[in-house]
């Protein structure tokens, strides 16, 4: 009997949303972070002022892109980063 090996290919690599600069409209960015994360206003403001900060971790690529777009619309600089695959 021959051994068969299969390689699982996952098309949905988790992404992180990284806030690199809140810009000049900090309160607008705080409101977006609050909406995205569900954090309180106080914690959202703390997250925004401690950049670079991971706003969302391990989210699908589409959700990460939408979050970055919302942050950029509010005047912030943000980017997505692929999560490195864990060593097996």
Foldseek 3Di string as FASTA:
>chain_A
DDDDDDDDDDPWFFKWKWFAAQADLNLLLLVLLCVLQVDDSVVSSVQRVDPRHTSDTRDTPVSNVVSQVSSVVSPTHMDMDGDDDDDD
